[in-house]
Amino acid sequence: MKQTILAVTLGLAGAAHADSPIVVPYDGSFDDATFAVESAIVGQGLVIDYVSHVGDMLNRTGADVGSDTQLFDNADIFIFCSAVVSREVMEADPMNIAHCPYGIFVAERDGEVMVGYRDYPDGPMAKVEDLLQTIVTDAVGN
């Protein structure tokens, strides 16, 4: 099945990023997708600083904030940085620090698994998007 890049709003982009995230469907399980993303990040010679288990947090705290809506079956965000790409985009504009570190999410809703990342501003941050696209393409098998 040919994977295509889709733009969908999942509420995962930060307030500074009004554009929809870049999302690619994953043909497989959530666990397989997280393993594929982790492997693709490490395969680029990068170190994962943190894995945020956003889905678990949202499910655990829903009742505390007065909600019974389950947003995701599962959702994790892999947080990492690239010294090479970060230096390049911050030398172009030091305020690109606001976009670091970078993240790739794996989410599952209603049995559909997806992998994606934020849409960054035009200009030097295109280098970050190229890196993220390479990682996601590798992870989903395109």
N, C-alpha and C. Protein backbone atom coordinates (compact mmCIF):
# COMPACT_ATOMS: atom_id res chain seq x y z
N MET A 1 0.85 -1.17 0.00
CA MET A 1 0.00 0.00 0.00
C MET A 1 0.90 1.24 0.00
N LYS A 2 0.68 2.09 -0.97
CA LYS A 2 1.49 3.29 -1.06
C LYS A 2 1.08 4.28 0.02
N GLN A 3 2.04 4.69 0.84
CA GLN A 3 1.78 5.66 1.90
C GLN A 3 1.81 7.05 1.29
N THR A 4 0.91 7.91 1.68
CA THR A 4 0.91 9.29 1.22
C THR A 4 0.96 10.21 2.42
N ILE A 5 1.57 11.35 2.21
CA ILE A 5 1.65 12.33 3.28
C ILE A 5 0.35 13.10 3.31
N LEU A 6 -0.26 13.15 4.47
CA LEU A 6 -1.52 13.85 4.66
C LEU A 6 -1.33 14.93 5.70
N ALA A 7 -2.06 16.00 5.57
CA ALA A 7 -2.06 17.03 6.62
C ALA A 7 -3.39 16.94 7.34
N VAL A 8 -3.33 16.62 8.63
CA VAL A 8 -4.53 16.56 9.45
C VAL A 8 -4.27 17.26 10.77
N THR A 9 -5.28 17.86 11.29
CA THR A 9 -5.13 18.53 12.57
C THR A 9 -5.43 17.55 13.68
N LEU A 10 -4.45 17.32 14.55
CA LEU A 10 -4.61 16.41 15.68
C LEU A 10 -4.48 17.14 16.99
N GLY A 11 -4.27 18.45 16.92
CA GLY A 11 -4.09 19.19 18.16
C GLY A 11 -2.72 18.96 18.78
N LEU A 12 -1.78 18.39 18.03
CA LEU A 12 -0.46 18.13 18.57
C LEU A 12 0.53 19.25 18.28
N ALA A 13 0.20 20.12 17.33
CA ALA A 13 1.09 21.23 17.03
C ALA A 13 0.96 22.29 18.11
N GLY A 14 2.07 22.92 18.45
CA GLY A 14 2.06 23.95 19.47
C GLY A 14 1.34 25.19 19.00
N ALA A 15 1.03 26.08 19.92
CA ALA A 15 0.29 27.30 19.61
C ALA A 15 1.04 28.15 18.59
N ALA A 16 2.35 28.10 18.59
CA ALA A 16 3.13 28.90 17.65
C ALA A 16 3.06 28.32 16.24
N HIS A 17 2.55 27.13 16.10
CA HIS A 17 2.46 26.46 14.80
C HIS A 17 1.01 26.30 14.43
N ALA A 18 0.49 27.26 13.69
CA ALA A 18 -0.92 27.23 13.32
C ALA A 18 -1.19 26.20 12.22
N ASP A 19 -0.14 25.84 11.45
CA ASP A 19 -0.33 24.89 10.36
C ASP A 19 -0.51 23.49 10.92
N SER A 20 -1.19 22.67 10.13
CA SER A 20 -1.42 21.29 10.53
C SER A 20 -0.12 20.50 10.49
N PRO A 21 0.00 19.49 11.35
CA PRO A 21 1.19 18.65 11.27
C PRO A 21 1.19 17.81 10.00
N ILE A 22 2.35 17.32 9.65
CA ILE A 22 2.51 16.40 8.52
C ILE A 22 2.27 15.00 9.09
N VAL A 23 1.34 14.27 8.51
CA VAL A 23 0.95 12.96 9.05
C VAL A 23 0.97 11.92 7.94
N VAL A 24 1.56 10.77 8.26
CA VAL A 24 1.63 9.65 7.32
C VAL A 24 0.98 8.44 7.98
N PRO A 25 0.03 7.79 7.31
CA PRO A 25 -0.54 6.57 7.89
C PRO A 25 0.51 5.47 7.96
N TYR A 26 0.39 4.64 8.99
CA TYR A 26 1.31 3.52 9.16
C TYR A 26 0.53 2.22 9.02
N ASP A 27 1.00 1.35 8.17
CA ASP A 27 0.33 0.08 7.93
C ASP A 27 0.92 -0.98 8.86
N GLY A 28 0.43 -0.99 10.09
CA GLY A 28 0.93 -1.92 11.09
C GLY A 28 0.46 -1.50 12.46
N SER A 29 0.97 -2.16 13.48
CA SER A 29 0.54 -1.89 14.85
C SER A 29 1.24 -0.66 15.42
N PHE A 30 0.69 -0.13 16.49
CA PHE A 30 1.30 0.99 17.20
C PHE A 30 2.70 0.60 17.68
N ASP A 31 2.84 -0.57 18.28
CA ASP A 31 4.15 -1.02 18.78
C ASP A 31 5.17 -1.13 17.65
N ASP A 32 4.73 -1.65 16.50
CA ASP A 32 5.64 -1.74 15.35
C ASP A 32 6.05 -0.35 14.88
N ALA A 33 5.10 0.59 14.89
CA ALA A 33 5.39 1.96 14.45
C ALA A 33 6.37 2.64 15.39
N THR A 34 6.19 2.47 16.71
CA THR A 34 7.12 3.11 17.64
C THR A 34 8.52 2.52 17.48
N PHE A 35 8.60 1.22 17.27
CA PHE A 35 9.91 0.59 17.06
C PHE A 35 10.55 1.12 15.77
N ALA A 36 9.74 1.26 14.71
CA ALA A 36 10.25 1.74 13.42
C ALA A 36 10.74 3.18 13.53
N VAL A 37 10.00 4.02 14.25
CA VAL A 37 10.41 5.42 14.42
C VAL A 37 11.69 5.49 15.24
N GLU A 38 11.73 4.77 16.35
CA GLU A 38 12.94 4.75 17.17
C GLU A 38 14.15 4.30 16.35
N SER A 39 13.98 3.24 15.59
CA SER A 39 15.07 2.71 14.76
C SER A 39 15.50 3.71 13.70
N ALA A 40 14.54 4.41 13.10
CA ALA A 40 14.87 5.38 12.05
C ALA A 40 15.61 6.59 12.63
N ILE A 41 15.25 7.03 13.83
CA ILE A 41 15.95 8.15 14.47
C ILE A 41 17.38 7.75 14.79
N VAL A 42 17.54 6.61 15.44
CA VAL A 42 18.87 6.11 15.79
C VAL A 42 19.68 5.83 14.53
N GLY A 43 19.01 5.36 13.48
CA GLY A 43 19.67 5.09 12.21
C GLY A 43 20.26 6.33 11.56
N GLN A 44 19.77 7.49 11.93
CA GLN A 44 20.33 8.76 11.44
C GLN A 44 21.50 9.23 12.30
N GLY A 45 21.88 8.41 13.29
CA GLY A 45 22.98 8.77 14.17
C GLY A 45 22.57 9.74 15.27
N LEU A 46 21.26 9.80 15.55
CA LEU A 46 20.73 10.72 16.55
C LEU A 46 20.40 9.98 17.84
N VAL A 47 20.33 10.72 18.93
CA VAL A 47 20.01 10.16 20.23
C VAL A 47 18.63 10.66 20.64
N ILE A 48 17.78 9.74 21.06
CA ILE A 48 16.45 10.12 21.56
C ILE A 48 16.62 10.59 22.99
N ASP A 49 16.27 11.85 23.23
CA ASP A 49 16.41 12.43 24.56
C ASP A 49 15.30 11.98 25.49
N TYR A 50 14.11 11.82 24.93
CA TYR A 50 12.95 11.54 25.78
C TYR A 50 11.82 10.99 24.91
N VAL A 51 11.05 10.08 25.48
CA VAL A 51 9.82 9.63 24.85
C VAL A 51 8.67 10.06 25.75
N SER A 52 7.85 10.95 25.24
CA SER A 52 6.69 11.45 25.97
C SER A 52 5.50 10.55 25.68
N HIS A 53 4.94 9.96 26.71
CA HIS A 53 3.80 9.06 26.57
C HIS A 53 2.51 9.87 26.73
N VAL A 54 2.26 10.71 25.73
CA VAL A 54 1.14 11.65 25.76
C VAL A 54 -0.20 10.93 25.87
N GLY A 55 -0.35 9.85 25.15
CA GLY A 55 -1.61 9.10 25.20
C GLY A 55 -1.92 8.61 26.60
N ASP A 56 -0.93 8.04 27.27
CA ASP A 56 -1.12 7.57 28.64
C ASP A 56 -1.52 8.71 29.56
N MET A 57 -0.83 9.86 29.41
CA MET A 57 -1.13 11.02 30.26
C MET A 57 -2.56 11.51 30.03
N LEU A 58 -2.96 11.62 28.77
CA LEU A 58 -4.31 12.10 28.47
C LEU A 58 -5.37 11.14 29.01
N ASN A 59 -5.14 9.84 28.85
CA ASN A 59 -6.09 8.86 29.36
C ASN A 59 -6.15 8.86 30.88
N ARG A 60 -5.00 9.04 31.51
CA ARG A 60 -4.93 9.03 32.97
C ARG A 60 -5.58 10.27 33.59
N THR A 61 -5.47 11.42 32.92
CA THR A 61 -5.92 12.68 33.51
C THR A 61 -7.27 13.18 33.01
N GLY A 62 -7.88 12.46 32.09
CA GLY A 62 -9.16 12.92 31.53
C GLY A 62 -10.20 13.23 32.58
N ALA A 63 -10.43 12.30 33.49
CA ALA A 63 -11.44 12.51 34.54
C ALA A 63 -11.08 13.68 35.43
N ASP A 64 -9.78 13.90 35.66
CA ASP A 64 -9.33 15.00 36.51
C ASP A 64 -9.68 16.37 35.94
N VAL A 65 -9.80 16.44 34.62
CA VAL A 65 -10.12 17.72 33.98
C VAL A 65 -11.56 17.75 33.47
N GLY A 66 -12.36 16.79 33.91
CA GLY A 66 -13.78 16.78 33.58
C GLY A 66 -14.12 16.26 32.20
N SER A 67 -13.29 15.36 31.66
CA SER A 67 -13.55 14.82 30.33
C SER A 67 -13.57 13.30 30.37
N ASP A 68 -14.47 12.73 29.58
CA ASP A 68 -14.48 11.27 29.42
C ASP A 68 -14.15 10.88 27.98
N THR A 69 -13.62 11.83 27.21
CA THR A 69 -13.25 11.59 25.83
C THR A 69 -11.87 10.97 25.76
N GLN A 70 -11.77 9.83 25.09
CA GLN A 70 -10.46 9.22 24.85
C GLN A 70 -9.98 9.70 23.49
N LEU A 71 -8.93 10.52 23.48
CA LEU A 71 -8.43 11.10 22.24
C LEU A 71 -7.63 10.11 21.41
N PHE A 72 -6.84 9.30 22.07
CA PHE A 72 -5.98 8.34 21.38
C PHE A 72 -6.05 7.00 22.07
N ASP A 73 -5.93 5.94 21.27
CA ASP A 73 -5.75 4.61 21.84
C ASP A 73 -4.34 4.54 22.42
N ASN A 74 -3.38 5.10 21.69
CA ASN A 74 -1.98 5.19 22.09
C ASN A 74 -1.38 6.43 21.44
N ALA A 75 -0.42 7.06 22.09
CA ALA A 75 0.28 8.20 21.50
C ALA A 75 1.58 8.45 22.23
N ASP A 76 2.67 8.44 21.48
CA ASP A 76 3.99 8.74 22.02
C ASP A 76 4.65 9.79 21.12
N ILE A 77 5.51 10.61 21.72
CA ILE A 77 6.30 11.57 20.96
C ILE A 77 7.76 11.34 21.28
N PHE A 78 8.55 11.14 20.24
CA PHE A 78 10.00 10.93 20.38
C PHE A 78 10.68 12.29 20.23
N ILE A 79 11.41 12.71 21.27
CA ILE A 79 12.06 14.00 21.32
C ILE A 79 13.56 13.81 21.12
N PHE A 80 14.13 14.58 20.20
CA PHE A 80 15.56 14.46 19.89
C PHE A 80 16.05 15.73 19.22
N CYS A 81 17.35 15.81 19.00
CA CYS A 81 17.93 16.96 18.33
C CYS A 81 19.05 16.47 17.42
N SER A 82 19.41 17.32 16.47
CA SER A 82 20.56 17.06 15.61
C SER A 82 21.51 18.23 15.78
N ALA A 83 22.70 17.98 16.28
CA ALA A 83 23.67 19.06 16.47
C ALA A 83 23.99 19.74 15.14
N VAL A 84 24.12 18.97 14.08
CA VAL A 84 24.47 19.52 12.77
C VAL A 84 23.35 20.41 12.24
N VAL A 85 22.14 19.88 12.17
CA VAL A 85 21.01 20.64 11.62
C VAL A 85 20.65 21.81 12.54
N SER A 86 20.66 21.59 13.83
CA SER A 86 20.31 22.66 14.77
C SER A 86 21.29 23.83 14.65
N ARG A 87 22.56 23.53 14.59
CA ARG A 87 23.55 24.60 14.45
C ARG A 87 23.31 25.36 13.15
N GLU A 88 23.04 24.65 12.09
CA GLU A 88 22.83 25.29 10.80
C GLU A 88 21.62 26.23 10.82
N VAL A 89 20.49 25.76 11.37
CA VAL A 89 19.29 26.61 11.37
C VAL A 89 19.41 27.75 12.38
N MET A 90 20.16 27.54 13.46
CA MET A 90 20.31 28.61 14.45
C MET A 90 21.39 29.60 14.06
N GLU A 91 22.35 29.19 13.24
CA GLU A 91 23.29 30.17 12.69
C GLU A 91 22.57 31.07 11.70
N ALA A 92 21.58 30.53 11.00
CA ALA A 92 20.78 31.35 10.08
C ALA A 92 19.89 32.33 10.86
N ASP A 93 19.36 31.87 12.00
CA ASP A 93 18.53 32.72 12.86
C ASP A 93 18.56 32.12 14.26
N PRO A 94 19.28 32.76 15.18
CA PRO A 94 19.38 32.22 16.53
C PRO A 94 18.02 31.96 17.20
N MET A 95 16.98 32.67 16.79
CA MET A 95 15.66 32.48 17.40
C MET A 95 14.99 31.18 16.96
N ASN A 96 15.62 30.46 16.04
CA ASN A 96 15.12 29.12 15.71
C ASN A 96 15.30 28.17 16.89
N ILE A 97 15.95 28.65 17.94
CA ILE A 97 16.04 27.87 19.17
C ILE A 97 14.64 27.51 19.69
N ALA A 98 13.67 28.35 19.37
CA ALA A 98 12.29 28.12 19.82
C ALA A 98 11.73 26.81 19.30
N HIS A 99 12.31 26.27 18.24
CA HIS A 99 11.78 25.05 17.62
C HIS A 99 12.51 23.78 18.06
N CYS A 100 13.52 23.93 18.89
CA CYS A 100 14.34 22.80 19.30
C CYS A 100 13.95 22.37 20.71
N PRO A 101 13.89 21.12 21.05
CA PRO A 101 14.21 19.95 20.23
C PRO A 101 13.07 19.61 19.27
N TYR A 102 13.30 18.61 18.45
CA TYR A 102 12.35 18.20 17.44
C TYR A 102 11.62 16.95 17.91
N GLY A 103 10.46 16.72 17.35
CA GLY A 103 9.68 15.56 17.77
C GLY A 103 8.99 14.87 16.61
N ILE A 104 8.88 13.59 16.72
CA ILE A 104 8.08 12.78 15.80
C ILE A 104 7.10 12.00 16.66
N PHE A 105 5.83 12.08 16.28
CA PHE A 105 4.82 11.38 17.07
C PHE A 105 4.34 10.13 16.36
N VAL A 106 3.93 9.18 17.17
CA VAL A 106 3.22 7.98 16.71
C VAL A 106 1.92 7.97 17.49
N ALA A 107 0.81 7.92 16.78
CA ALA A 107 -0.49 7.94 17.44
C ALA A 107 -1.41 6.90 16.83
N GLU A 108 -2.33 6.43 17.66
CA GLU A 108 -3.33 5.47 17.20
C GLU A 108 -4.69 5.97 17.65
N ARG A 109 -5.59 6.10 16.67
CA ARG A 109 -6.98 6.50 16.94
C ARG A 109 -7.88 5.53 16.19
N ASP A 110 -8.82 4.97 16.92
CA ASP A 110 -9.79 4.06 16.30
C ASP A 110 -9.11 2.99 15.45
N GLY A 111 -7.98 2.47 15.94
CA GLY A 111 -7.28 1.40 15.24
C GLY A 111 -6.40 1.86 14.08
N GLU A 112 -6.40 3.15 13.77
CA GLU A 112 -5.57 3.70 12.69
C GLU A 112 -4.29 4.26 13.30
N VAL A 113 -3.15 3.79 12.81
CA VAL A 113 -1.86 4.24 13.32
C VAL A 113 -1.28 5.26 12.34
N MET A 114 -0.70 6.33 12.91
CA MET A 114 -0.11 7.38 12.09
C MET A 114 1.20 7.85 12.70
N VAL A 115 2.05 8.38 11.85
CA VAL A 115 3.35 8.92 12.25
C VAL A 115 3.43 10.33 11.69
N GLY A 116 3.94 11.27 12.48
CA GLY A 116 4.00 12.63 11.95
C GLY A 116 4.90 13.55 12.74
N TYR A 117 4.90 14.80 12.27
CA TYR A 117 5.74 15.83 12.87
C TYR A 117 5.15 17.19 12.57
N ARG A 118 5.65 18.21 13.28
CA ARG A 118 5.18 19.58 13.09
C ARG A 118 5.58 20.12 11.73
N ASP A 119 4.77 21.05 11.25
CA ASP A 119 5.10 21.83 10.07
C ASP A 119 5.83 23.08 10.56
N TYR A 120 7.08 23.23 10.19
CA TYR A 120 7.88 24.36 10.66
C TYR A 120 7.80 25.54 9.68
N PRO A 121 8.20 26.73 10.14
CA PRO A 121 8.16 27.91 9.27
C PRO A 121 9.06 27.74 8.05
N ASP A 122 8.70 28.43 6.97
CA ASP A 122 9.53 28.42 5.76
C ASP A 122 10.89 29.03 6.06
N GLY A 123 11.85 28.75 5.22
CA GLY A 123 13.19 29.29 5.39
C GLY A 123 14.13 28.23 5.91
N PRO A 124 15.04 28.62 6.81
CA PRO A 124 16.05 27.69 7.30
C PRO A 124 15.47 26.42 7.95
N MET A 125 14.27 26.53 8.55
CA MET A 125 13.69 25.36 9.23
C MET A 125 13.29 24.26 8.25
N ALA A 126 13.35 24.55 6.95
CA ALA A 126 13.10 23.50 5.95
C ALA A 126 14.11 22.36 6.10
N LYS A 127 15.31 22.67 6.57
CA LYS A 127 16.32 21.63 6.79
C LYS A 127 15.87 20.65 7.88
N VAL A 128 15.20 21.17 8.90
CA VAL A 128 14.67 20.31 9.95
C VAL A 128 13.56 19.44 9.38
N GLU A 129 12.65 20.06 8.62
CA GLU A 129 11.57 19.28 8.01
C GLU A 129 12.11 18.19 7.09
N ASP A 130 13.18 18.49 6.35
CA ASP A 130 13.78 17.47 5.49
C ASP A 130 14.28 16.29 6.32
N LEU A 131 14.92 16.58 7.45
CA LEU A 131 15.40 15.52 8.34
C LEU A 131 14.22 14.70 8.87
N LEU A 132 13.19 15.38 9.35
CA LEU A 132 12.03 14.68 9.90
C LEU A 132 11.33 13.85 8.83
N GLN A 133 11.21 14.40 7.63
CA GLN A 133 10.58 13.65 6.54
C GLN A 133 11.40 12.40 6.20
N THR A 134 12.71 12.52 6.20
CA THR A 134 13.58 11.37 5.93
C THR A 134 13.36 10.28 6.98
N ILE A 135 13.30 10.68 8.25
CA ILE A 135 13.10 9.72 9.33
C ILE A 135 11.73 9.05 9.22
N VAL A 136 10.69 9.83 8.98
CA VAL A 136 9.34 9.26 8.88
C VAL A 136 9.22 8.37 7.66
N THR A 137 9.78 8.79 6.55
CA THR A 137 9.74 7.95 5.34
C THR A 137 10.43 6.62 5.58
N ASP A 138 11.57 6.66 6.26
CA ASP A 138 12.27 5.43 6.61
C ASP A 138 11.42 4.55 7.53
N ALA A 139 10.78 5.18 8.52
CA ALA A 139 9.98 4.43 9.50
C ALA A 139 8.74 3.77 8.89
N VAL A 140 8.10 4.46 7.96
CA VAL A 140 6.86 3.88 7.39
C VAL A 140 7.14 2.98 6.20
N GLY A 141 8.41 2.95 5.76
CA GLY A 141 8.78 2.02 4.71
C GLY A 141 8.63 2.54 3.31
N ASN A 142 8.61 3.85 3.14
CA ASN A 142 8.55 4.43 1.77
C ASN A 142 9.94 4.63 1.23
